[in-house]
């Protein structure tokens, strides 16, 4: 009966896919690497976030103010002595570094430093306005020369150079196109400019477009009333001539935002007050307005 028993089969099952235990050493190495990288980037951030003065201050703080030139001899690194002597400094053996506050300045140096104000001061309004005015004056001089040269170099307009007056006012650089005897810029009682007047205005427009200043346009007449036109006075005539000049400047390319005002002043501001009937009182004034006001010498806020 024993021979008829079935054989006993023993199966050995191997667990696959496993790997040997590597331990935790790699975790320590990785942690050290991350810590080092964090310290590196923190250092970069500190270097970029500090100014040169702050860096110099830190360097001066850690710089030694005293160093012994003696070196350790045959007695070893410390020569059998402690790092510091009783007075707080190594008297022999290793290099001694003493850190402390910088020496107090002498009385003369402190007096001079007290008198000298090293704090940078922001420029006040007067200084800013003065700088702007000086720059504008240079631009005005260049524009004046360019305009007078353009008149002289234009054969059709050279004879009318005397009809152009350029000066300075508290408002800015004023360009006046003035009537002369037998050389008017507009027909009598009319707001339609002569062709030569349009040419002069076109040259003025070229100069205006090179400067950033806004402009004011004013029309002026003499004191003689307009004949044979009821309800049409020098006020209307001076305003119409100023507007006619504005249209010529606009057609020549002057932007609409550059024009600050257009006005007619009739005979209220004659060029020659002693004789308001002179033809030279009839004129068109184009003023390049200053960006900074002209202040009196003793002006204070």
Protein backbone atom coordinates (compact mmCIF):
# COMPACT_ATOMS: atom_id res chain seq x y z
CA UNK A 1 0.00 0.00 0.00
CA UNK A 2 2.93 2.30 0.68
CA UNK A 3 4.15 1.95 -2.85
CA UNK A 4 0.85 3.22 -4.11
CA UNK A 5 1.16 6.61 -2.26
CA UNK A 6 1.54 9.62 -4.63
CA UNK A 7 4.96 11.33 -4.57
CA UNK A 8 5.32 14.52 -2.51
CA UNK A 9 6.17 17.50 -4.71
CA UNK A 10 7.83 20.53 -3.05
CA UNK A 11 7.62 23.82 -4.99
CA UNK A 12 10.10 26.59 -4.28
CA UNK A 13 8.71 30.00 -5.23
CA UNK A 14 11.29 32.74 -5.92
CA UNK A 15 10.20 36.30 -5.36
CA UNK A 16 11.18 38.26 -8.45
CA UNK A 17 11.63 41.94 -9.16
CA UNK A 18 13.35 42.73 -5.90
CA UNK A 19 16.63 44.51 -5.48
CA UNK A 20 19.14 44.47 -2.78
CA UNK A 21 18.96 46.98 0.04
CA UNK A 22 21.12 49.98 -0.74
CA UNK A 23 20.88 51.70 2.60
CA UNK A 24 20.26 55.46 3.23
CA UNK A 25 23.70 56.86 2.37
CA UNK A 26 22.41 58.41 -0.86
CA UNK A 27 19.84 60.38 1.10
CA UNK A 28 22.53 62.04 3.18
CA UNK A 29 24.56 62.86 0.08
CA UNK A 30 21.51 64.34 -1.64
CA UNK A 31 20.63 66.39 1.44
CA UNK A 32 24.18 67.77 1.56
CA UNK A 33 23.98 68.65 -2.13
CA UNK A 34 20.65 70.48 -1.71
CA UNK A 35 21.98 72.36 1.31
CA UNK A 36 25.09 73.40 -0.59
CA UNK A 37 23.02 74.59 -3.55
CA UNK A 38 20.72 76.55 -1.27
CA UNK A 39 23.70 78.23 0.39
CA UNK A 40 25.18 78.98 -3.05
CA UNK A 41 22.02 80.65 -4.36
CA UNK A 42 21.57 82.51 -1.07
CA UNK A 43 25.09 83.88 -1.50
CA UNK A 44 24.32 84.96 -5.06
CA UNK A 45 21.16 86.70 -3.88
CA UNK A 46 23.02 88.53 -1.12
CA UNK A 47 25.70 89.68 -3.58
CA UNK A 48 23.09 91.05 -5.95
CA UNK A 49 20.96 92.65 -3.24
CA UNK A 50 23.74 94.67 -1.61
CA UNK A 51 25.29 97.88 -2.90
CA UNK A 52 28.98 98.50 -3.39
CA UNK A 53 29.06 100.62 -0.23
CA UNK A 54 27.50 97.79 1.79
CA UNK A 55 29.98 95.27 0.40
CA UNK A 56 32.88 97.58 1.29
CA UNK A 57 31.47 98.04 4.80
CA UNK A 58 31.22 94.29 5.35
CA UNK A 59 34.76 93.78 4.02
CA UNK A 60 36.10 96.52 6.29
CA UNK A 61 34.37 94.97 9.29
CA UNK A 62 36.03 91.58 8.75
CA UNK A 63 39.41 93.01 7.72
CA UNK A 64 42.11 92.59 10.43
CA UNK A 65 43.27 95.76 12.09
CA UNK A 66 46.38 94.08 13.57
CA UNK A 67 48.29 90.97 12.54
CA UNK A 68 51.46 89.59 14.08
CA UNK A 69 54.18 88.70 11.60
CA UNK A 70 55.46 85.88 13.80
CA UNK A 71 54.80 82.27 12.81
CA UNK A 72 54.67 79.12 14.86
CA UNK A 73 58.10 77.55 15.41
CA UNK A 74 59.27 74.11 16.39
CA UNK A 75 57.04 74.00 19.43
CA UNK A 76 54.00 73.11 17.32
CA UNK A 77 50.96 74.96 16.14
CA UNK A 78 50.34 76.76 19.40
CA UNK A 79 53.75 76.14 20.96
CA UNK A 80 52.12 74.73 24.08
CA UNK A 81 50.38 78.03 24.87
CA UNK A 82 46.70 78.88 24.84
CA UNK A 83 45.18 80.84 21.98
CA UNK A 84 45.03 84.06 23.97
CA UNK A 85 47.07 85.42 26.79
CA UNK A 86 45.62 86.94 29.88
CA UNK A 87 45.30 90.33 28.19
CA UNK A 88 43.17 88.87 25.43
CA UNK A 89 45.91 88.63 22.76
CA UNK A 90 48.42 85.92 21.78
CA UNK A 91 51.89 87.11 22.69
CA UNK A 92 53.87 84.52 20.76
CA UNK A 93 53.39 81.58 18.50
CA UNK A 94 50.42 81.78 16.11
CA UNK A 95 49.14 84.74 14.13
CA UNK A 96 47.08 87.13 16.24
CA UNK A 97 44.09 88.97 14.83
CA UNK A 98 42.45 91.71 16.86
CA UNK A 99 39.07 92.95 15.75
CA UNK A 100 37.56 96.08 17.16
CA UNK A 101 35.88 99.35 16.41
CA UNK A 102 37.78 101.75 14.15
CA UNK A 103 39.74 104.47 15.94
CA UNK A 104 37.88 107.63 16.77
CA UNK A 105 38.56 110.49 14.35
CA UNK A 106 40.64 113.39 15.50
CA UNK A 107 38.99 116.61 16.54
CA UNK A 108 40.03 118.40 13.35
CA UNK A 109 38.71 115.59 11.18
CA UNK A 110 35.43 115.47 13.11
CA UNK A 111 35.05 119.24 12.80
CA UNK A 112 35.61 119.15 9.04
CA UNK A 113 33.25 116.22 8.61
CA UNK A 114 30.62 117.98 10.68
CA UNK A 115 30.89 121.05 8.51
CA UNK A 116 30.79 119.09 5.26
CA UNK A 117 27.36 117.78 4.29
CA UNK A 118 27.95 114.62 2.31
CA UNK A 119 24.25 113.78 1.90
CA UNK A 120 23.30 114.18 -1.77
CA UNK A 121 20.77 116.93 -2.22
CA UNK A 122 17.93 116.74 -4.74
CA UNK A 123 17.84 119.71 -7.10
CA UNK A 124 15.20 122.27 -6.20
CA UNK A 125 12.63 123.76 -8.55
CA UNK A 126 14.75 126.84 -9.24
CA UNK A 127 17.72 124.71 -10.37
CA UNK A 128 15.49 122.57 -12.60
CA UNK A 129 13.85 125.61 -14.17
CA UNK A 130 17.24 127.23 -14.71
CA UNK A 131 18.57 124.15 -16.50
CA UNK A 132 15.47 123.97 -18.71
CA UNK A 133 15.69 127.70 -19.52
CA UNK A 134 19.37 127.42 -20.48
CA UNK A 135 18.66 124.47 -22.76
CA UNK A 136 15.72 126.29 -24.34
CA UNK A 137 17.82 129.38 -24.96
CA UNK A 138 20.36 127.29 -26.88
CA UNK A 139 17.56 125.81 -28.97
CA UNK A 140 16.08 129.26 -29.58
CA UNK A 141 19.44 130.62 -30.78
CA UNK A 142 19.84 127.74 -33.23
CA UNK A 143 16.27 128.19 -34.49
CA UNK A 144 16.73 131.96 -34.94
CA UNK A 145 19.91 131.50 -36.96
CA UNK A 146 18.35 128.80 -39.11
CA UNK A 147 15.29 130.94 -39.87
CA UNK A 148 17.27 134.09 -40.75
CA UNK A 149 19.60 132.06 -42.96
CA UNK A 150 16.61 130.48 -44.71
CA UNK A 151 15.16 133.92 -45.46
CA UNK A 152 18.48 135.19 -46.78
CA UNK A 153 18.99 132.11 -48.95
CA UNK A 154 15.54 132.28 -50.54
CA UNK A 155 15.74 134.69 -53.52
CA UNK A 156 12.03 135.55 -53.47
CA UNK A 157 12.12 136.42 -49.76
CA UNK A 158 15.53 138.02 -49.32
CA UNK A 159 14.08 141.48 -49.87
CA UNK A 160 11.62 140.86 -47.01
CA UNK A 161 14.24 140.01 -44.39
CA UNK A 162 13.46 143.31 -42.62
CA UNK A 163 9.85 142.20 -42.25
CA UNK A 164 10.99 139.48 -39.83
CA UNK A 165 11.74 140.39 -36.20
CA UNK A 166 12.87 137.70 -33.74
CA UNK A 167 13.24 138.50 -30.05
CA UNK A 168 12.78 137.05 -26.56
CA UNK A 169 9.90 137.69 -24.20
CA UNK A 170 9.05 136.25 -20.77
CA UNK A 171 6.75 133.86 -22.63
CA UNK A 172 9.41 132.55 -25.04
CA UNK A 173 10.93 133.23 -28.46
CA UNK A 174 8.74 135.57 -30.51
CA UNK A 175 8.78 135.58 -34.31
CA UNK A 176 7.03 138.64 -35.74
CA UNK A 177 6.08 139.10 -39.39
CA UNK A 178 5.79 142.86 -39.62
CA UNK A 179 4.41 145.18 -42.27
CA UNK A 180 6.79 147.72 -43.70
CA UNK A 181 6.14 150.77 -45.85
CA UNK A 182 5.05 149.48 -49.29
CA UNK A 183 5.75 145.90 -48.13
CA UNK A 184 2.62 144.67 -46.38
CA UNK A 185 1.96 141.07 -45.46
CA UNK A 186 -1.81 141.35 -45.98
CA UNK A 187 -3.88 143.50 -48.30
CA UNK A 188 -5.45 146.48 -46.56
CA UNK A 189 -8.48 145.41 -44.54
CA UNK A 190 -8.13 141.76 -45.67
CA UNK A 191 -7.28 138.56 -43.78
CA UNK A 192 -6.00 136.72 -46.89
CA UNK A 193 -2.15 136.70 -46.77
CA UNK A 194 -0.02 137.50 -49.79
CA UNK A 195 1.91 134.58 -51.37
CA UNK A 196 5.15 135.94 -49.90
CA UNK A 197 3.54 135.90 -46.46
CA UNK A 198 2.61 132.25 -46.92
CA UNK A 199 6.20 131.47 -47.92
CA UNK A 200 7.54 133.11 -44.77
CA UNK A 201 5.00 131.26 -42.64
CA UNK A 202 6.02 127.98 -44.27
CA UNK A 203 9.66 128.63 -43.37
CA UNK A 204 8.57 129.42 -39.81
CA UNK A 205 6.64 126.14 -39.73
CA UNK A 206 9.78 124.17 -40.60
CA UNK A 207 11.55 125.70 -37.61
CA UNK A 208 8.58 125.15 -35.28
CA UNK A 209 8.39 121.46 -36.16
CA UNK A 210 12.00 120.96 -34.99
CA UNK A 211 11.22 122.24 -31.49
CA UNK A 212 8.96 120.71 -28.83
CA UNK A 213 7.45 123.98 -27.59
CA UNK A 214 3.82 124.87 -28.03
CA UNK A 215 3.04 128.11 -29.87
CA UNK A 216 0.84 131.15 -29.46
CA UNK A 217 -0.38 133.09 -32.51
CA UNK A 218 -1.53 136.71 -32.20
CA UNK A 219 -2.73 139.24 -34.77
CA UNK A 220 -2.05 142.97 -34.40
CA UNK A 221 -3.25 146.03 -36.31
CA UNK A 222 -2.48 149.72 -36.28
CA UNK A 223 -4.86 152.20 -34.71
CA UNK A 224 -6.50 153.33 -37.95
CA UNK A 225 -10.09 152.15 -38.27
CA UNK A 226 -11.19 149.98 -41.19
CA UNK A 227 -12.91 152.03 -43.85
CA UNK A 228 -16.14 151.11 -45.64
CA UNK A 229 -16.85 148.05 -43.46
CA UNK A 230 -19.54 148.39 -40.83
CA UNK A 231 -19.49 146.09 -37.80
CA UNK A 232 -16.01 144.89 -38.77
CA UNK A 233 -13.29 146.40 -36.59
CA UNK A 234 -9.61 145.86 -35.97
CA UNK A 235 -10.58 143.22 -33.43
CA UNK A 236 -12.18 141.03 -36.06
CA UNK A 237 -9.41 141.77 -38.58
CA UNK A 238 -6.58 140.88 -36.17
CA UNK A 239 -8.37 137.65 -35.13
CA UNK A 240 -9.00 136.65 -38.76
CA UNK A 241 -5.37 137.27 -39.72
CA UNK A 242 -4.16 135.19 -36.76
CA UNK A 243 -6.46 132.34 -37.82
CA UNK A 244 -5.33 132.63 -41.43
CA UNK A 245 -1.72 132.28 -40.23
CA UNK A 246 -2.70 129.26 -38.13
CA UNK A 247 -4.17 127.56 -41.22
CA UNK A 248 -0.95 128.11 -43.19
CA UNK A 249 1.11 126.61 -40.35
CA UNK A 250 -1.23 123.63 -40.10
CA UNK A 251 -1.03 123.02 -43.85
CA UNK A 252 2.77 123.16 -43.58
CA UNK A 253 2.74 120.34 -41.02
CA UNK A 254 2.49 121.92 -37.57
CA UNK A 255 0.42 119.60 -35.36
CA UNK A 256 -2.87 120.82 -33.95
CA UNK A 257 -1.75 119.97 -30.39
CA UNK A 258 1.21 122.34 -30.76
CA UNK A 259 -1.07 125.38 -31.02
CA UNK A 260 -1.83 126.70 -27.54
CA UNK A 261 -3.83 129.78 -28.47
CA UNK A 262 -4.89 132.01 -31.37
CA UNK A 263 -5.95 135.56 -30.55
CA UNK A 264 -6.54 138.98 -32.05
CA UNK A 265 -5.30 141.99 -30.08
CA UNK A 266 -6.26 144.79 -32.51
CA UNK A 267 -4.15 147.88 -31.69
CA UNK A 268 -3.83 147.24 -27.93
CA UNK A 269 -0.15 146.24 -28.06
CA UNK A 270 1.53 148.43 -30.69
CA UNK A 271 5.11 147.69 -31.65
CA UNK A 272 5.74 151.45 -31.66
CA UNK A 273 3.60 152.96 -28.90
CA UNK A 274 4.83 156.47 -29.70
CA UNK A 275 3.06 156.26 -33.06
CA UNK A 276 0.31 153.59 -33.13
CA UNK A 277 -0.56 154.49 -36.73
CA UNK A 278 2.73 153.23 -38.19
CA UNK A 279 2.43 150.30 -40.64
CA UNK A 280 4.95 148.31 -38.54
CA UNK A 281 2.32 147.97 -35.84
CA UNK A 282 0.46 145.63 -38.20
CA UNK A 283 1.97 142.20 -37.65
CA UNK A 284 1.56 138.54 -36.85
CA UNK A 285 3.34 137.30 -33.71
CA UNK A 286 4.21 133.62 -33.33
CA UNK A 287 5.66 132.80 -29.91
CA UNK A 288 7.33 129.53 -29.01
CA UNK A 289 6.27 129.22 -25.38
CA UNK A 290 8.83 128.41 -22.73
CA UNK A 291 8.56 125.16 -20.79
CA UNK A 292 10.07 126.72 -17.65
CA UNK A 293 8.99 130.15 -16.39
CA UNK A 294 11.50 132.98 -16.28
CA UNK A 295 11.89 133.90 -12.60
CA UNK A 296 13.13 137.25 -11.28
CA UNK A 297 16.64 137.18 -9.76
CA UNK A 298 15.46 137.36 -6.13
CA UNK A 299 12.52 135.02 -6.52
CA UNK A 300 11.96 132.53 -3.69
CA UNK A 301 9.16 130.04 -3.14
